[in-house]
Amino acid sequence: MKTRLVIIAILLLILTVLLTRNDERITNTLISIINPLKQHYKNFTQDIEDKSQSYIFQKESIVQLTRENRALRQRLLEQTHYIKQIKDIYSILPELERYPIQNISISDTISYVKLNSFSQILLTKPKHLKKEKLYGLIQKNVVAGIAQVKNNQLFGYLTSDKQCRFSVFIGPKNAPGIAEGLQQNEMQVKFIPKWYDINAGDKVVTSGLDAIFFENIPVGIVTKTELHSSYKVAYIKTYSDIFHPKTFFLINDARATLVENFDSNKTRLTSTYYT
């Protein structure tokens, strides 16, 4: 260690002596040696500075692009959801002409009420719905269930849910009964008078007598019947698709209104005479 210090001190002494002497050859030699080293050091430090600036710029660009990409993905997701809703509504518009449009609203499914149950859903709520009133839900021209406003939310009870009840007619003789949700794609119709002949394969439609549905909307088809002490029970396979609840027609008012304001005194009747 001491030897190194001695050698360095001697070299510095020699270098000092050489520099103090005004010898042009020695000065030029030292300059030719030192200048390349200085230039190399300057280039090295400049390269490090340029790379650091480039890294900072790239980092800022990556952060900005990541933020913009996140915003674009959010916008794309919103637009995809919007387009899907438009397609769902557009697909059912041709069916809307079958019903009195002033008594119909369109309602979309928001989500299931419970993740482990496919029989109850939350729906978008049209305006002017009354609390606790029962509203009929139609899916592709068949009965899908009923809806009711509770706690300012519109709940849908599909045909598989026990809370789904409405009046129906069965078979060619329109046997009356009350349909009630039972399980997946199955309902039971209770309180059918015993004297009606009900057979497997008979079609079940709404009666329109409960102010929930219009008359003659398809519900399902009879699979079997049972005789109880005072009435018959029919089990039916429903037409609705409870596993794909999307867009529904909601019946605001199922009452017959065509002759609601009819006044015979203000109506001119043409007399017809036969000879």
Protein backbone atom coordinates (compact mmCIF):
# COMPACT_ATOMS: atom_id res chain seq x y z
CA MET A 1 0.00 0.00 0.00
CA LYS A 2 2.86 2.39 0.91
CA THR A 3 4.69 1.41 -2.28
CA ARG A 4 1.71 2.41 -4.43
CA LEU A 5 1.45 5.77 -2.73
CA VAL A 6 5.17 6.37 -3.28
CA ILE A 7 4.89 5.47 -6.97
CA ILE A 8 1.87 7.75 -7.45
CA ALA A 9 3.62 10.60 -5.67
CA ILE A 10 6.73 10.18 -7.88
CA LEU A 11 4.58 10.14 -11.04
CA LEU A 12 2.75 13.29 -9.95
CA LEU A 13 6.06 14.98 -9.20
CA ILE A 14 7.43 14.06 -12.62
CA LEU A 15 4.21 15.24 -14.30
CA THR A 16 4.38 18.54 -12.41
CA VAL A 17 7.98 19.08 -13.45
CA LEU A 18 7.20 18.32 -17.07
CA LEU A 19 4.22 20.69 -17.09
CA THR A 20 6.22 23.54 -15.53
CA ARG A 21 8.79 23.28 -18.23
CA ASN A 22 7.76 25.10 -21.39
CA ASP A 23 8.59 22.22 -23.67
CA GLU A 24 6.24 22.24 -26.67
CA ARG A 25 6.88 18.60 -27.53
CA ILE A 26 5.93 17.45 -24.05
CA THR A 27 2.85 19.66 -24.02
CA ASN A 28 1.64 18.37 -27.39
CA THR A 29 2.20 14.81 -26.31
CA LEU A 30 0.17 15.30 -23.13
CA ILE A 31 -2.61 17.06 -25.04
CA SER A 32 -2.77 14.25 -27.62
CA ILE A 33 -3.17 11.78 -24.79
CA ILE A 34 -5.58 13.74 -22.58
CA ASN A 35 -7.94 15.18 -25.22
CA PRO A 36 -9.22 11.79 -26.53
CA LEU A 37 -9.83 10.75 -22.94
CA LYS A 38 -11.77 13.95 -22.27
CA GLN A 39 -13.79 13.55 -25.49
CA HIS A 40 -14.57 9.93 -24.72
CA TYR A 41 -15.69 10.90 -21.20
CA LYS A 42 -17.85 13.71 -22.58
CA ASN A 43 -19.45 11.37 -25.17
CA PHE A 44 -20.03 8.76 -22.47
CA THR A 45 -21.75 11.20 -20.10
CA GLN A 46 -23.84 12.68 -22.97
CA ASP A 47 -24.93 9.21 -24.03
CA ILE A 48 -26.04 8.43 -20.46
CA GLU A 49 -27.95 11.72 -20.29
CA ASP A 50 -29.66 11.07 -23.64
CA LYS A 51 -30.64 7.58 -22.58
CA SER A 52 -32.04 8.83 -19.29
CA GLN A 53 -34.09 11.48 -21.10
CA SER A 54 -35.33 8.86 -23.56
CA TYR A 55 -36.27 6.53 -20.70
CA ILE A 56 -38.21 9.29 -18.92
CA PHE A 57 -40.01 10.22 -22.16
CA GLN A 58 -40.84 6.57 -22.91
CA LYS A 59 -42.11 6.08 -19.36
CA GLU A 60 -44.37 9.12 -19.63
CA SER A 61 -45.58 7.95 -23.05
CA ILE A 62 -46.34 4.46 -21.72
CA VAL A 63 -48.30 5.92 -18.79
CA GLN A 64 -50.28 8.19 -21.12
CA LEU A 65 -50.95 5.41 -23.66
CA THR A 66 -52.00 3.04 -20.87
CA ARG A 67 -54.45 5.63 -19.57
CA GLU A 68 -55.85 6.25 -23.07
CA ASN A 69 -56.08 2.50 -23.74
CA ARG A 70 -58.02 1.99 -20.50
CA ALA A 71 -60.45 4.77 -21.47
CA LEU A 72 -60.89 3.30 -24.97
CA ARG A 73 -61.57 -0.17 -23.57
CA GLN A 74 -64.16 1.29 -21.21
CA ARG A 75 -65.77 3.13 -24.12
CA LEU A 76 -65.72 -0.03 -26.25
CA LEU A 77 -67.41 -2.01 -23.47
CA GLU A 78 -70.10 0.68 -23.12
CA GLN A 79 -70.69 0.77 -26.88
CA THR A 80 -70.83 -3.04 -27.10
CA HIS A 81 -73.44 -3.11 -24.33
CA TYR A 82 -75.40 -0.31 -26.04
CA ILE A 83 -75.35 -2.10 -29.42
CA LYS A 84 -76.50 -5.33 -27.75
CA GLN A 85 -79.49 -3.51 -26.22
CA ILE A 86 -80.36 -1.99 -29.59
CA LYS A 87 -80.24 -5.44 -31.22
CA ASP A 88 -82.48 -6.93 -28.51
CA ILE A 89 -85.05 -4.15 -28.90
CA TYR A 90 -84.89 -4.23 -32.70
CA SER A 91 -85.45 -7.99 -32.74
CA ILE A 92 -88.78 -7.71 -30.88
CA LEU A 93 -90.19 -4.65 -32.63
CA PRO A 94 -92.03 -6.72 -35.32
CA GLU A 95 -93.89 -8.51 -32.51
CA LEU A 96 -95.02 -5.22 -30.98
CA GLU A 97 -97.61 -4.64 -33.71
CA ARG A 98 -99.66 -7.56 -32.35
CA TYR A 99 -100.50 -5.69 -29.17
CA PRO A 100 -102.14 -2.33 -28.40
CA ILE A 101 -99.03 -0.17 -28.24
CA GLN A 102 -100.51 2.36 -25.79
CA ASN A 103 -100.82 -0.44 -23.20
CA ILE A 104 -97.31 -1.85 -23.68
CA SER A 105 -93.88 -0.86 -22.33
CA ILE A 106 -90.49 -2.41 -23.07
CA SER A 107 -88.43 -3.61 -20.10
CA ASP A 108 -84.90 -5.05 -20.09
CA THR A 109 -83.35 -7.49 -17.66
CA ILE A 110 -80.78 -5.93 -15.34
CA SER A 111 -79.72 -9.04 -13.43
CA TYR A 112 -80.94 -12.03 -11.46
CA VAL A 113 -82.11 -11.25 -7.94
CA LYS A 114 -80.05 -14.18 -6.62
CA LEU A 115 -77.12 -15.77 -8.41
CA ASN A 116 -78.29 -19.27 -7.49
CA SER A 117 -81.84 -18.74 -8.77
CA PHE A 118 -83.00 -18.28 -12.37
CA SER A 119 -86.64 -17.61 -11.52
CA GLN A 120 -86.46 -13.99 -10.25
CA ILE A 121 -84.95 -11.02 -12.07
CA LEU A 122 -84.55 -7.26 -11.72
CA LEU A 123 -85.94 -5.22 -14.61
CA THR A 124 -85.63 -1.67 -15.89
CA LYS A 125 -88.68 0.21 -14.66
CA PRO A 126 -90.88 2.08 -17.17
CA LYS A 127 -92.54 5.28 -16.03
CA HIS A 128 -95.86 5.53 -14.20
CA LEU A 129 -95.94 1.98 -12.79
CA LYS A 130 -98.02 1.52 -9.66
CA LYS A 131 -96.67 -0.02 -6.49
CA GLU A 132 -97.84 -3.56 -5.71
CA LYS A 133 -99.81 -3.87 -8.96
CA LEU A 134 -99.12 -7.03 -10.98
CA TYR A 135 -97.94 -6.59 -14.57
CA GLY A 136 -97.72 -9.27 -17.22
CA LEU A 137 -94.42 -10.06 -18.96
CA ILE A 138 -94.37 -11.33 -22.55
CA GLN A 139 -91.35 -12.92 -24.20
CA LYS A 140 -91.53 -13.59 -27.96
CA ASN A 141 -95.35 -13.66 -27.93
CA VAL A 142 -95.60 -16.13 -25.02
CA VAL A 143 -96.10 -15.60 -21.30
CA ALA A 144 -92.78 -15.11 -19.50
CA GLY A 145 -93.96 -14.22 -15.99
CA ILE A 146 -95.27 -11.32 -13.96
CA ALA A 147 -93.67 -8.15 -12.57
CA GLN A 148 -94.24 -6.03 -9.50
CA VAL A 149 -92.77 -2.81 -8.10
CA LYS A 150 -91.26 -3.19 -4.61
CA ASN A 151 -88.99 -0.69 -2.86
CA ASN A 152 -88.89 1.36 -6.04
CA GLN A 153 -87.44 -1.63 -7.95
CA LEU A 154 -89.21 -3.69 -10.62
CA PHE A 155 -89.02 -7.39 -9.79
CA GLY A 156 -89.80 -10.05 -12.36
CA TYR A 157 -91.14 -13.48 -11.36
CA LEU A 158 -90.71 -15.90 -14.24
CA THR A 159 -93.01 -18.83 -14.95
CA SER A 160 -90.83 -21.15 -12.86
CA ASP A 161 -91.29 -19.05 -9.70
CA LYS A 162 -94.01 -19.84 -7.15
CA GLN A 163 -94.92 -16.16 -6.90
CA CYS A 164 -95.93 -16.17 -10.56
CA ARG A 165 -99.74 -16.63 -10.65
CA PHE A 166 -102.37 -15.68 -13.25
CA SER A 167 -105.61 -17.01 -14.69
CA VAL A 168 -105.72 -19.29 -17.75
CA PHE A 169 -107.97 -21.27 -20.05
CA ILE A 170 -107.18 -24.89 -20.95
CA GLY A 171 -108.13 -26.91 -23.99
CA PRO A 172 -110.81 -26.43 -26.65
CA LYS A 173 -113.53 -25.80 -24.06
CA ASN A 174 -111.58 -23.10 -22.19
CA ALA A 175 -111.51 -24.79 -18.81
CA PRO A 176 -110.64 -22.08 -16.25
CA GLY A 177 -107.82 -22.35 -13.73
CA ILE A 178 -105.05 -20.52 -11.93
CA ALA A 179 -101.50 -21.11 -13.20
CA GLU A 180 -98.72 -21.13 -10.62
CA GLY A 181 -94.95 -21.47 -11.06
CA LEU A 182 -93.58 -24.85 -10.04
CA GLN A 183 -90.05 -25.44 -11.32
CA GLN A 184 -87.89 -25.16 -14.42
CA ASN A 185 -90.17 -24.91 -17.49
CA GLU A 186 -93.12 -26.26 -15.53
CA MET A 187 -96.26 -24.75 -14.00
CA GLN A 188 -99.32 -26.23 -12.37
CA VAL A 189 -102.86 -25.08 -13.02
CA LYS A 190 -105.07 -25.39 -9.93
CA PHE A 191 -108.80 -25.12 -9.25
CA ILE A 192 -109.97 -26.56 -12.57
CA PRO A 193 -113.62 -27.63 -12.19
CA LYS A 194 -113.89 -31.42 -11.99
CA TRP A 195 -116.38 -31.73 -14.83
CA TYR A 196 -113.96 -30.42 -17.48
CA ASP A 197 -112.20 -33.03 -19.54
CA ILE A 198 -108.49 -32.16 -19.58
CA ASN A 199 -106.01 -34.22 -21.61
CA ALA A 200 -102.27 -34.26 -22.18
CA GLY A 201 -101.45 -32.09 -25.16
CA ASP A 202 -104.18 -29.50 -24.49
CA LYS A 203 -102.95 -25.94 -25.03
CA VAL A 204 -102.98 -23.40 -22.18
CA VAL A 205 -103.54 -19.68 -22.81
CA THR A 206 -104.21 -16.63 -20.69
CA SER A 207 -107.85 -15.88 -19.92
CA GLY A 208 -107.50 -12.09 -19.68
CA LEU A 209 -109.78 -12.06 -16.63
CA ASP A 210 -107.13 -11.12 -14.07
CA ALA A 211 -106.17 -7.69 -15.46
CA ILE A 212 -102.59 -8.99 -15.74
CA PHE A 213 -102.48 -10.36 -19.29
CA PHE A 214 -104.41 -9.90 -22.48
CA GLU A 215 -106.58 -12.84 -23.47
CA ASN A 216 -105.25 -15.76 -25.50
CA ILE A 217 -101.50 -15.39 -24.98
CA PRO A 218 -99.81 -18.84 -25.15
CA VAL A 219 -98.54 -20.23 -21.85
CA GLY A 220 -97.74 -23.90 -22.44
CA ILE A 221 -99.07 -27.38 -23.05
CA VAL A 222 -100.58 -29.94 -20.64
CA THR A 223 -98.35 -32.90 -19.75
CA LYS A 224 -100.51 -34.64 -17.10
CA THR A 225 -103.49 -34.11 -14.78
CA GLU A 226 -104.46 -35.05 -11.24
CA LEU A 227 -107.86 -35.28 -9.57
CA HIS A 228 -108.11 -33.72 -6.12
CA SER A 229 -111.09 -33.84 -3.81
CA SER A 230 -112.88 -30.80 -5.24
CA TYR A 231 -110.96 -29.79 -8.38
CA LYS A 232 -108.45 -30.94 -10.98
CA VAL A 233 -104.79 -29.94 -11.29
CA ALA A 234 -102.99 -29.85 -14.63
CA TYR A 235 -99.23 -29.77 -15.04
CA ILE A 236 -97.98 -27.87 -18.05
CA LYS A 237 -94.71 -27.45 -19.89
CA THR A 238 -94.21 -23.73 -20.48
CA TYR A 239 -93.11 -22.10 -23.74
CA SER A 240 -90.97 -19.34 -22.19
CA ASP A 241 -87.17 -19.43 -22.00
CA ILE A 242 -86.29 -18.67 -18.38
CA PHE A 243 -82.56 -19.14 -18.95
CA HIS A 244 -82.28 -16.30 -21.45
CA PRO A 245 -84.31 -13.40 -20.03
CA LYS A 246 -83.47 -10.34 -22.11
CA THR A 247 -86.11 -7.92 -23.31
CA PHE A 248 -89.79 -8.17 -22.40
CA PHE A 249 -93.07 -6.52 -23.24
CA LEU A 250 -94.64 -5.31 -20.03
CA ILE A 251 -98.42 -4.95 -20.06
CA ASN A 252 -99.29 -1.66 -18.39
CA ASP A 253 -103.05 -2.12 -18.65
CA ALA A 254 -104.69 -5.38 -19.72
CA ARG A 255 -108.26 -4.10 -19.47
CA ALA A 256 -110.54 -4.15 -22.51
CA THR A 257 -110.87 -0.47 -23.45
CA LEU A 258 -112.34 -0.56 -26.96
CA VAL A 259 -115.90 0.17 -25.78
CA GLU A 260 -114.97 1.79 -22.48
CA ASN A 261 -116.43 5.18 -23.41
CA PHE A 262 -119.18 3.88 -25.64
CA ASP A 263 -122.38 5.94 -25.44
CA SER A 264 -125.33 4.51 -27.37
CA ASN A 265 -127.11 7.87 -27.27
CA LYS A 266 -124.27 9.46 -29.24
CA THR A 267 -123.89 6.66 -31.75
CA ARG A 268 -125.85 6.71 -35.00
CA LEU A 269 -127.05 3.31 -36.07
CA THR A 270 -128.05 2.71 -39.65
CA SER A 271 -131.36 0.91 -39.96
CA THR A 272 -131.47 -1.95 -42.43
CA TYR A 273 -134.78 -2.98 -43.93
CA TYR A 274 -135.38 -6.28 -45.62
CA THR A 275 -138.13 -6.74 -48.14
